[in-house]
Amino acid sequence: MKKKIIFWAVVVVLLIGLGLWLKYTSFGVTVVTILVGLGGIVLGWIARMLYSKYIKE
């Protein structure tokens, strides 16, 4: 029960933060931020795959 409350509290805080972010930044900044975040996720995934294949024994 307590985990559900904590989960929903985090979801609400993230949604409020997202709403404030979209209110106070321009559309271009939001698009660039999303693209940079997605690029970081993709590069991190590629780096992990290469590390697992060539470095980790």
PDB file of N, CA and C in Angstrom:
ATOM      1  N   MET A   1       0.823  -1.200   0.000  1.00  0.00           N
ATOM      2  CA  MET A   1       0.000   0.000   0.000  1.00  0.00           C
ATOM      3  C   MET A   1       0.861   1.255   0.000  1.00  0.00           C
ATOM      4  N   LYS A   2       1.902   1.250   0.846  1.00  0.00           N
ATOM      5  CA  LYS A   2       2.753   2.426   0.945  1.00  0.00           C
ATOM      6  C   LYS A   2       3.540   2.646  -0.351  1.00  0.00           C
ATOM      7  N   LYS A   3       3.927   1.544  -1.007  1.00  0.00           N
ATOM      8  CA  LYS A   3       4.663   1.665  -2.267  1.00  0.00           C
ATOM      9  C   LYS A   3       3.797   2.305  -3.346  1.00  0.00           C
ATOM     10  N   LYS A   4       2.501   1.988  -3.338  1.00  0.00           N
ATOM     11  CA  LYS A   4       1.594   2.592  -4.316  1.00  0.00           C
ATOM     12  C   LYS A   4       1.490   4.098  -4.106  1.00  0.00           C
ATOM     13  N   ILE A   5       1.415   4.511  -2.855  1.00  0.00           N
ATOM     14  CA  ILE A   5       1.313   5.941  -2.550  1.00  0.00           C
ATOM     15  C   ILE A   5       2.580   6.662  -2.989  1.00  0.00           C
ATOM     16  N   ILE A   6       3.728   6.071  -2.708  1.00  0.00           N
ATOM     17  CA  ILE A   6       4.998   6.682  -3.111  1.00  0.00           C
ATOM     18  C   ILE A   6       5.079   6.748  -4.635  1.00  0.00           C
ATOM     19  N   PHE A   7       4.684   5.671  -5.307  1.00  0.00           N
ATOM     20  CA  PHE A   7       4.703   5.647  -6.771  1.00  0.00           C
ATOM     21  C   PHE A   7       3.846   6.766  -7.350  1.00  0.00           C
ATOM     22  N   TRP A   8       2.620   6.900  -6.862  1.00  0.00           N
ATOM     23  CA  TRP A   8       1.724   7.922  -7.399  1.00  0.00           C
ATOM     24  C   TRP A   8       2.187   9.324  -7.044  1.00  0.00           C
ATOM     25  N   ALA A   9       2.825   9.481  -5.880  1.00  0.00           N
ATOM     26  CA  ALA A   9       3.372  10.792  -5.525  1.00  0.00           C
ATOM     27  C   ALA A   9       4.483  11.183  -6.501  1.00  0.00           C
ATOM     28  N   VAL A  10       5.338  10.233  -6.853  1.00  0.00           N
ATOM     29  CA  VAL A  10       6.414  10.498  -7.811  1.00  0.00           C
ATOM     30  C   VAL A  10       5.828  10.827  -9.182  1.00  0.00           C
ATOM     31  N   VAL A  11       4.805  10.098  -9.602  1.00  0.00           N
ATOM     32  CA  VAL A  11       4.165  10.363 -10.892  1.00  0.00           C
ATOM     33  C   VAL A  11       3.581  11.771 -10.921  1.00  0.00           C
ATOM     34  N   VAL A  12       2.906  12.170  -9.849  1.00  0.00           N
ATOM     35  CA  VAL A  12       2.308  13.506  -9.790  1.00  0.00           C
ATOM     36  C   VAL A  12       3.384  14.583  -9.843  1.00  0.00           C
ATOM     37  N   VAL A  13       4.469  14.396  -9.093  1.00  0.00           N
ATOM     38  CA  VAL A  13       5.557  15.382  -9.094  1.00  0.00           C
ATOM     39  C   VAL A  13       6.171  15.491 -10.485  1.00  0.00           C
ATOM     40  N   LEU A  14       6.377  14.361 -11.159  1.00  0.00           N
ATOM     41  CA  LEU A  14       6.938  14.395 -12.512  1.00  0.00           C
ATOM     42  C   LEU A  14       6.001  15.094 -13.494  1.00  0.00           C
ATOM     43  N   LEU A  15       4.704  14.851 -13.376  1.00  0.00           N
ATOM     44  CA  LEU A  15       3.754  15.512 -14.273  1.00  0.00           C
ATOM     45  C   LEU A  15       3.697  17.015 -14.022  1.00  0.00           C
ATOM     46  N   ILE A  16       3.744  17.421 -12.768  1.00  0.00           N
ATOM     47  CA  ILE A  16       3.764  18.852 -12.457  1.00  0.00           C
ATOM     48  C   ILE A  16       5.045  19.483 -12.989  1.00  0.00           C
ATOM     49  N   GLY A  17       6.174  18.804 -12.793  1.00  0.00           N
ATOM     50  CA  GLY A  17       7.440  19.309 -13.314  1.00  0.00           C
ATOM     51  C   GLY A  17       7.436  19.416 -14.824  1.00  0.00           C
ATOM     52  N   LEU A  18       6.868  18.426 -15.494  1.00  0.00           N
ATOM     53  CA  LEU A  18       6.773  18.472 -16.952  1.00  0.00           C
ATOM     54  C   LEU A  18       5.892  19.629 -17.407  1.00  0.00           C
ATOM     55  N   GLY A  19       4.791  19.830 -16.717  1.00  0.00           N
ATOM     56  CA  GLY A  19       3.913  20.943 -17.060  1.00  0.00           C
ATOM     57  C   GLY A  19       4.596  22.282 -16.893  1.00  0.00           C
ATOM     58  N   LEU A  20       5.332  22.450 -15.797  1.00  0.00           N
ATOM     59  CA  LEU A  20       6.065  23.703 -15.579  1.00  0.00           C
ATOM     60  C   LEU A  20       7.160  23.883 -16.621  1.00  0.00           C
ATOM     61  N   TRP A  21       7.857  22.796 -16.958  1.00  0.00           N
ATOM     62  CA  TRP A  21       8.906  22.862 -17.981  1.00  0.00           C
ATOM     63  C   TRP A  21       8.322  23.361 -19.301  1.00  0.00           C
ATOM     64  N   LEU A  22       7.196  22.782 -19.714  1.00  0.00           N
ATOM     65  CA  LEU A  22       6.581  23.177 -20.982  1.00  0.00           C
ATOM     66  C   LEU A  22       6.041  24.601 -20.933  1.00  0.00           C
ATOM     67  N   LYS A  23       5.639  25.052 -19.758  1.00  0.00           N
ATOM     68  CA  LYS A  23       5.106  26.408 -19.635  1.00  0.00           C
ATOM     69  C   LYS A  23       6.208  27.458 -19.753  1.00  0.00           C
ATOM     70  N   TYR A  24       7.366  27.199 -19.144  1.00  0.00           N
ATOM     71  CA  TYR A  24       8.405  28.225 -19.050  1.00  0.00           C
ATOM     72  C   TYR A  24       9.507  28.118 -20.093  1.00  0.00           C
ATOM     73  N   THR A  25       9.480  27.099 -20.937  1.00  0.00           N
ATOM     74  CA  THR A  25      10.484  26.999 -21.997  1.00  0.00           C
ATOM     75  C   THR A  25       9.789  27.051 -23.350  1.00  0.00           C
ATOM     76  N   SER A  26      10.557  27.406 -24.357  1.00  0.00           N
ATOM     77  CA  SER A  26       9.983  27.475 -25.699  1.00  0.00           C
ATOM     78  C   SER A  26       9.903  26.076 -26.305  1.00  0.00           C
ATOM     79  N   PHE A  27       9.185  25.967 -27.396  1.00  0.00           N
ATOM     80  CA  PHE A  27       9.009  24.680 -28.064  1.00  0.00           C
ATOM     81  C   PHE A  27      10.342  24.138 -28.577  1.00  0.00           C
ATOM     82  N   GLY A  28      11.190  25.024 -29.102  1.00  0.00           N
ATOM     83  CA  GLY A  28      12.484  24.592 -29.627  1.00  0.00           C
ATOM     84  C   GLY A  28      13.372  23.989 -28.556  1.00  0.00           C
ATOM     85  N   VAL A  29      13.385  24.603 -27.390  1.00  0.00           N
ATOM     86  CA  VAL A  29      14.191  24.076 -26.282  1.00  0.00           C
ATOM     87  C   VAL A  29      13.681  22.697 -25.879  1.00  0.00           C
ATOM     88  N   THR A  30      12.370  22.540 -25.848  1.00  0.00           N
ATOM     89  CA  THR A  30      11.791  21.251 -25.480  1.00  0.00           C
ATOM     90  C   THR A  30      12.166  20.173 -26.491  1.00  0.00           C
ATOM     91  N   VAL A  31      12.093  20.487 -27.772  1.00  0.00           N
ATOM     92  CA  VAL A  31      12.434  19.511 -28.810  1.00  0.00           C
ATOM     93  C   VAL A  31      13.907  19.131 -28.719  1.00  0.00           C
ATOM     94  N   VAL A  32      14.776  20.107 -28.558  1.00  0.00           N
ATOM     95  CA  VAL A  32      16.211  19.827 -28.457  1.00  0.00           C
ATOM     96  C   VAL A  32      16.501  18.977 -27.226  1.00  0.00           C
ATOM     97  N   THR A  33      15.866  19.280 -26.107  1.00  0.00           N
ATOM     98  CA  THR A  33      16.074  18.506 -24.886  1.00  0.00           C
ATOM     99  C   THR A  33      15.648  17.054 -25.078  1.00  0.00           C
ATOM    100  N   ILE A  34      14.514  16.849 -25.712  1.00  0.00           N
ATOM    101  CA  ILE A  34      14.043  15.484 -25.965  1.00  0.00           C
ATOM    102  C   ILE A  34      14.997  14.749 -26.898  1.00  0.00           C
ATOM    103  N   LEU A  35      15.459  15.409 -27.959  1.00  0.00           N
ATOM    104  CA  LEU A  35      16.376  14.765 -28.902  1.00  0.00           C
ATOM    105  C   LEU A  35      17.710  14.420 -28.250  1.00  0.00           C
ATOM    106  N   VAL A  36      18.232  15.318 -27.426  1.00  0.00           N
ATOM    107  CA  VAL A  36      19.497  15.045 -26.737  1.00  0.00           C
ATOM    108  C   VAL A  36      19.325  13.885 -25.762  1.00  0.00           C
ATOM    109  N   GLY A  37      18.218  13.860 -25.055  1.00  0.00           N
ATOM    110  CA  GLY A  37      17.957  12.752 -24.134  1.00  0.00           C
ATOM    111  C   GLY A  37      17.862  11.421 -24.855  1.00  0.00           C
ATOM    112  N   LEU A  38      17.132  11.391 -25.961  1.00  0.00           N
ATOM    113  CA  LEU A  38      17.021  10.156 -26.737  1.00  0.00           C
ATOM    114  C   LEU A  38      18.363   9.740 -27.327  1.00  0.00           C
ATOM    115  N   GLY A  39      19.144  10.720 -27.786  1.00  0.00           N
ATOM    116  CA  GLY A  39      20.480  10.413 -28.297  1.00  0.00           C
ATOM    117  C   GLY A  39      21.372   9.818 -27.217  1.00  0.00           C
ATOM    118  N   GLY A  40      21.278  10.340 -26.010  1.00  0.00           N
ATOM    119  CA  GLY A  40      22.054   9.797 -24.898  1.00  0.00           C
ATOM    120  C   GLY A  40      21.647   8.374 -24.560  1.00  0.00           C
ATOM    121  N   ILE A  41      20.353   8.107 -24.621  1.00  0.00           N
ATOM    122  CA  ILE A  41      19.877   6.746 -24.358  1.00  0.00           C
ATOM    123  C   ILE A  41      20.411   5.781 -25.407  1.00  0.00           C
ATOM    124  N   VAL A  42      20.348   6.177 -26.671  1.00  0.00           N
ATOM    125  CA  VAL A  42      20.823   5.314 -27.761  1.00  0.00           C
ATOM    126  C   VAL A  42      22.327   5.093 -27.652  1.00  0.00           C
ATOM    127  N   LEU A  43      23.093   6.158 -27.418  1.00  0.00           N
ATOM    128  CA  LEU A  43      24.549   6.005 -27.299  1.00  0.00           C
ATOM    129  C   LEU A  43      24.924   5.155 -26.089  1.00  0.00           C
ATOM    130  N   GLY A  44      24.216   5.310 -24.992  1.00  0.00           N
ATOM    131  CA  GLY A  44      24.471   4.481 -23.817  1.00  0.00           C
ATOM    132  C   GLY A  44      24.188   3.018 -24.088  1.00  0.00           C
ATOM    133  N   TRP A  45      23.118   2.739 -24.810  1.00  0.00           N
ATOM    134  CA  TRP A  45      22.781   1.362 -25.150  1.00  0.00           C
ATOM    135  C   TRP A  45      23.847   0.758 -26.061  1.00  0.00           C
ATOM    136  N   ILE A  46      24.297   1.530 -27.063  1.00  0.00           N
ATOM    137  CA  ILE A  46      25.346   1.045 -27.969  1.00  0.00           C
ATOM    138  C   ILE A  46      26.638   0.797 -27.201  1.00  0.00           C
ATOM    139  N   ALA A  47      27.003   1.710 -26.312  1.00  0.00           N
ATOM    140  CA  ALA A  47      28.227   1.541 -25.526  1.00  0.00           C
ATOM    141  C   ALA A  47      28.138   0.301 -24.641  1.00  0.00           C
ATOM    142  N   ARG A  48      26.980   0.053 -24.061  1.00  0.00           N
ATOM    143  CA  ARG A  48      26.823  -1.128 -23.208  1.00  0.00           C
ATOM    144  C   ARG A  48      26.954  -2.405 -24.028  1.00  0.00           C
ATOM    145  N   MET A  49      26.383  -2.417 -25.225  1.00  0.00           N
ATOM    146  CA  MET A  49      26.484  -3.597 -26.078  1.00  0.00           C
ATOM    147  C   MET A  49      27.933  -3.851 -26.500  1.00  0.00           C
ATOM    148  N   LEU A  50      28.635  -2.785 -26.888  1.00  0.00           N
ATOM    149  CA  LEU A  50      30.035  -2.946 -27.285  1.00  0.00           C
ATOM    150  C   LEU A  50      30.897  -3.377 -26.106  1.00  0.00           C
ATOM    151  N   TYR A  51      30.634  -2.831 -24.924  1.00  0.00           N
ATOM    152  CA  TYR A  51      31.387  -3.214 -23.728  1.00  0.00           C
ATOM    153  C   TYR A  51      31.164  -4.689 -23.416  1.00  0.00           C
ATOM    154  N   SER A  52      29.920  -5.128 -23.492  1.00  0.00           N
ATOM    155  CA  SER A  52      29.612  -6.528 -23.197  1.00  0.00           C
ATOM    156  C   SER A  52      30.250  -7.465 -24.218  1.00  0.00           C
ATOM    157  N   LYS A  53      30.359  -7.023 -25.457  1.00  0.00           N
ATOM    158  CA  LYS A  53      30.876  -7.885 -26.512  1.00  0.00           C
ATOM    159  C   LYS A  53      32.404  -7.945 -26.517  1.00  0.00           C
ATOM    160  N   TYR A  54      33.077  -6.809 -26.324  1.00  0.00           N
ATOM    161  CA  TYR A  54      34.517  -6.762 -26.536  1.00  0.00           C
ATOM    162  C   TYR A  54      35.348  -6.656 -25.264  1.00  0.00           C
ATOM    163  N   ILE A  55      34.838  -6.093 -24.194  1.00  0.00           N
ATOM    164  CA  ILE A  55      35.666  -5.832 -23.023  1.00  0.00           C
ATOM    165  C   ILE A  55      35.359  -6.796 -21.881  1.00  0.00           C
ATOM    166  N   LYS A  56      34.099  -6.950 -21.547  1.00  0.00           N
ATOM    167  CA  LYS A  56      33.726  -7.804 -20.425  1.00  0.00           C
ATOM    168  C   LYS A  56      33.953  -9.262 -20.786  1.00  0.00           C
ATOM    169  N   GLU A  57      34.602  -9.990 -19.873  1.00  0.00           N
ATOM    170  CA  GLU A  57      34.897 -11.396 -20.153  1.00  0.00           C
ATOM    171  C   GLU A  57      33.924 -12.314 -19.456  1.00  0.00           C
TER     172      GLU A  57
END
